[in-house]
Protein backbone atom coordinates (compact mmCIF):
# COMPACT_ATOMS: atom_id res chain seq x y z
CA MET A 1 0.00 0.00 0.00
CA ASN A 2 1.28 3.47 -0.88
CA ILE A 3 0.02 5.48 2.09
CA PHE A 4 0.81 8.75 0.28
CA ALA A 5 -1.76 7.94 -2.39
CA VAL A 6 -4.44 8.55 0.24
CA LYS A 7 -5.95 12.02 -0.27
CA GLU A 8 -6.25 12.73 3.46
CA VAL A 9 -2.52 12.16 3.94
CA ALA A 10 -1.74 14.59 1.14
CA ASP A 11 -4.14 17.14 2.65
CA GLU A 12 -2.43 16.97 6.06
CA TYR A 13 1.20 16.90 4.89
CA ASP A 14 1.66 20.61 4.24
CA ALA A 15 -0.61 21.60 7.12
CA TYR A 16 1.91 20.19 9.60
CA TYR A 17 4.51 22.75 8.52
CA GLN A 18 2.08 25.56 9.37
CA SER A 19 1.98 24.49 13.02
CA GLU A 20 4.34 25.95 15.63
CA GLN A 21 6.21 22.66 16.01
CA GLY A 22 6.23 22.08 12.26
CA GLU A 23 7.78 25.49 11.57
CA LYS A 24 10.60 24.77 14.03
CA VAL A 25 11.23 21.32 12.56
CA ASP A 26 11.17 22.71 9.03
CA LYS A 27 13.80 25.33 9.84
CA LEU A 28 16.10 22.79 11.50
CA GLU A 29 15.83 20.39 8.57
CA LYS A 30 16.37 23.06 5.92
CA ASP A 31 19.31 24.58 7.79
CA ALA A 32 20.95 21.15 7.86
CA ILE A 33 20.39 20.56 4.13
CA LEU A 34 21.64 24.09 3.36
CA LYS A 35 24.95 23.30 5.05
CA HIS A 36 25.45 20.60 2.42
CA ILE A 37 24.22 22.36 -0.70
CA SER A 38 26.03 25.63 0.05
CA ARG A 39 29.13 24.05 -1.50
CA ILE A 40 27.30 22.70 -4.56
CA THR A 41 26.84 24.59 -7.83
CA PRO A 42 23.11 24.16 -8.62
CA GLY A 43 22.46 22.17 -11.79
CA ASN A 44 19.99 19.69 -13.23
CA LEU A 45 18.49 18.03 -10.13
CA LEU A 46 16.28 14.95 -9.94
CA GLU A 47 14.00 15.00 -6.91
CA ILE A 48 12.58 11.63 -5.96
CA GLY A 49 9.43 11.54 -3.85
CA CYS A 50 8.58 15.22 -4.31
CA GLY A 51 5.21 14.80 -2.60
CA THR A 52 3.34 18.08 -2.25
CA GLY A 53 6.34 20.07 -3.48
CA HIS A 54 7.37 21.33 -0.04
CA TRP A 55 11.05 20.56 -0.70
CA THR A 56 10.70 21.14 -4.44
CA ALA A 57 10.04 24.81 -3.70
CA PHE A 58 13.08 24.90 -1.42
CA PHE A 59 15.39 23.46 -4.08
CA SER A 60 13.95 25.85 -6.67
CA GLU A 61 14.75 28.78 -4.37
CA GLN A 62 18.36 27.57 -4.23
CA GLY A 63 18.66 27.78 -8.02
CA PHE A 64 18.32 24.16 -9.12
CA GLN A 65 16.60 23.11 -12.36
CA ILE A 66 14.35 20.33 -11.08
CA THR A 67 12.76 17.20 -12.45
CA ALA A 68 10.36 16.40 -9.60
CA THR A 69 9.02 12.84 -9.44
CA ASP A 70 6.66 10.78 -7.34
CA VAL A 71 4.41 7.75 -7.62
CA ALA A 72 1.55 9.34 -5.63
CA ASP A 73 -0.65 11.43 -7.90
CA GLU A 74 -2.60 12.96 -4.99
CA MET A 75 0.62 14.36 -3.54
CA MET A 76 1.94 15.65 -6.87
CA LYS A 77 -1.39 17.33 -7.57
CA PHE A 78 -0.67 19.67 -4.65
CA ALA A 79 2.84 20.34 -5.94
CA LYS A 80 1.70 21.20 -9.45
CA GLU A 81 -0.83 23.71 -8.12
CA LYS A 82 1.89 25.71 -6.35
CA GLY A 83 3.36 27.13 -9.55
CA ILE A 84 6.94 26.43 -8.48
CA PRO A 85 9.44 27.86 -11.01
CA ASN A 86 12.21 25.88 -12.71
CA VAL A 87 10.50 22.52 -12.26
CA LYS A 88 8.88 19.86 -14.41
CA PHE A 89 6.87 17.04 -12.88
CA GLN A 90 6.94 13.40 -13.89
CA THR A 91 5.55 10.18 -12.46
CA ALA A 92 8.47 7.90 -11.64
CA ASP A 93 9.39 5.11 -9.23
CA VAL A 94 12.85 5.15 -7.64
CA LEU A 95 13.03 1.37 -8.05
CA ASN A 96 12.71 1.67 -11.83
CA LEU A 97 13.72 5.13 -13.03
CA SER A 98 13.04 5.90 -16.69
CA PHE A 99 16.19 8.00 -17.11
CA ASP A 100 19.47 7.28 -18.87
CA ASP A 101 22.64 6.50 -16.97
CA ASN A 102 24.55 9.55 -15.68
CA SER A 103 21.64 11.93 -16.43
CA PHE A 104 21.64 14.34 -13.49
CA ASP A 105 24.10 16.74 -11.85
CA GLN A 106 22.37 16.33 -8.51
CA LEU A 107 19.75 14.05 -6.98
CA ALA A 108 17.68 14.68 -3.85
CA VAL A 109 15.42 12.49 -1.74
CA ILE A 110 13.83 13.88 1.42
CA THR A 111 12.04 11.41 3.71
CA ALA A 112 10.98 9.17 0.84
CA LEU A 113 13.52 6.34 0.87
CA GLU A 114 11.83 5.02 4.02
CA PHE A 115 8.77 4.15 1.95
CA CYS A 116 10.37 2.82 -1.25
CA GLY A 117 10.16 -0.88 -0.30
CA ASP A 118 13.67 -1.90 -1.45
CA ILE A 119 16.40 0.41 -0.21
CA LYS A 120 19.25 -1.49 -1.89
CA LYS A 121 17.55 -1.29 -5.30
CA ALA A 122 16.78 2.40 -4.74
CA PHE A 123 20.43 3.20 -4.13
CA SER A 124 21.40 1.22 -7.21
CA GLU A 125 19.08 3.35 -9.34
CA ILE A 126 20.27 6.57 -7.68
CA HIS A 127 23.87 5.66 -8.43
CA ARG A 128 22.99 4.79 -12.03
CA VAL A 129 21.31 8.08 -13.00
CA LEU A 130 23.67 10.39 -11.08
CA LYS A 131 26.61 11.77 -13.04
CA PRO A 132 30.17 10.99 -11.86
CA GLY A 133 31.13 13.86 -9.58
CA GLY A 134 27.46 14.63 -8.99
CA TRP A 135 25.96 15.08 -5.54
CA PHE A 136 23.27 13.04 -3.81
CA ILE A 137 21.39 14.91 -1.08
CA ALA A 138 19.19 12.94 1.31
CA GLY A 139 17.02 13.57 4.31
CA CYS A 140 16.23 10.36 6.18
CA LEU A 141 14.39 9.45 9.36
CA ASN A 142 16.47 7.86 12.12
CA ALA A 143 15.35 4.50 13.47
CA ASN A 144 17.14 5.16 16.77
CA SER A 145 15.47 8.53 17.36
CA THR A 146 12.54 9.20 19.66
CA LEU A 147 10.21 9.14 16.66
CA GLY A 148 11.81 6.01 15.23
CA LYS A 149 11.19 4.08 18.42
CA VAL A 150 7.44 4.77 18.39
CA LYS A 151 6.81 5.04 14.64
CA ASP A 152 4.54 1.98 14.56
CA ASN A 153 1.98 3.96 16.57
CA ASP A 154 1.64 6.48 13.74
CA PRO A 155 -0.78 5.79 10.84
CA VAL A 156 1.76 7.01 8.25
CA TYR A 157 5.18 6.28 9.71
CA LYS A 158 4.26 2.67 10.51
CA HIS A 159 4.42 2.00 6.76
CA GLY A 160 8.03 3.15 6.58
CA ASN A 161 11.33 1.40 7.18
CA PHE A 162 13.54 3.86 9.05
CA MET A 163 17.32 3.43 8.96
CA THR A 164 19.90 3.88 11.68
CA LYS A 165 22.76 6.27 11.01
CA ALA A 166 25.06 3.27 10.52
CA GLU A 167 22.69 1.70 7.97
CA LEU A 168 22.33 4.96 6.06
CA THR A 169 26.10 5.41 6.03
CA LYS A 170 26.56 1.92 4.59
CA HIS A 171 24.18 2.64 1.71
CA LEU A 172 25.70 6.06 1.03
CA LYS A 173 29.16 4.54 0.78
CA THR A 174 28.05 2.72 -2.38
CA ILE A 175 28.15 6.21 -3.95
CA GLY A 176 31.09 7.90 -2.23
CA ASN A 177 32.25 9.28 1.12
CA PRO A 178 29.20 10.64 2.96
CA ASN A 179 28.70 13.41 5.48
CA ILE A 180 25.66 13.22 7.78
CA ILE A 181 24.25 15.97 9.98
CA GLU A 182 21.66 15.06 12.62
CA CYS A 183 18.97 17.47 13.78
CA VAL A 184 15.48 17.54 15.33
CA HIS A 185 16.50 15.88 18.59
CA LEU A 186 13.33 15.09 20.53
CA SER A 187 12.74 14.35 24.20
CA ALA A 188 10.52 11.46 25.28
CA ASP A 189 7.54 13.82 25.26
CA PHE A 190 8.50 15.15 21.79
CA GLN A 191 9.93 18.49 22.87
CA ILE A 192 12.63 19.85 20.54
CA LEU A 193 16.04 19.73 22.24
CA ASP A 194 18.06 21.44 19.51
CA GLY A 195 19.64 24.60 20.89
CA THR A 196 19.45 23.35 24.48
CA ASN A 197 21.96 21.67 26.80
CA ASP A 198 20.02 18.41 26.43
CA VAL A 199 20.49 18.10 22.67
CA ASN A 200 22.83 15.10 22.98
CA LYS A 201 20.40 13.12 25.12
CA ALA A 202 18.62 11.80 22.00
CA GLU A 203 19.61 10.99 18.44
CA GLY A 204 18.34 13.35 15.78
CA VAL A 205 15.13 12.37 14.00
CA PHE A 206 16.34 13.90 10.74
CA MET A 207 19.59 12.81 9.13
CA ALA A 208 20.71 15.28 6.45
CA ALA A 209 23.24 13.56 4.22
CA ALA A 210 25.40 14.51 1.27
CA VAL A 211 27.70 12.34 -0.84
CA GLN A 212 29.55 12.98 -4.09
CA LYS A 213 29.56 10.16 -6.61
CA ILE A 214 33.10 8.89 -7.05
CA LYS A 215 32.52 6.85 -10.22
């Protein structure tokens, strides 16, 4: 089941980022991704799992020319209605991408790999379509975080397969030498610890990763 094909999930996705907690989380995640892409010259970027276009708009603002893809039409419908510049939308599955080898300067996936069903195959396809020297940018949810430990209680997250930082690092090393930044550290009662003395008491929910393809 593709939970993101459910209209109600698409309706609620963007609404979360309008909440007080969602705004704080959004800033932390984007600041972490910005630390990676600040050293990258924006080019032709493939976004996998674009959803409602929340991150598509962010990458557009950074100057990327984007091919935004998803398998959930209900989610992409929201994205298309936003009128985001420098983007074309296309239905595509990360497990079987309809693009030639070495097609893209950059590739981005934000909290979508967890729901792809076959992480090893997904990384194989990512490696195939990314140009040598190109950058892969990922945002992944941490299995060892506060959220990861209770994800099965959530109607959406229970459908995902979260990775630990070690597991993500292993997959990224099939592309090159990765750098991972953790953020959104949550207490047991889901209070944000980033910026406090207690930040190291929990692993970050969001793992912002960047890796340059070696060959």
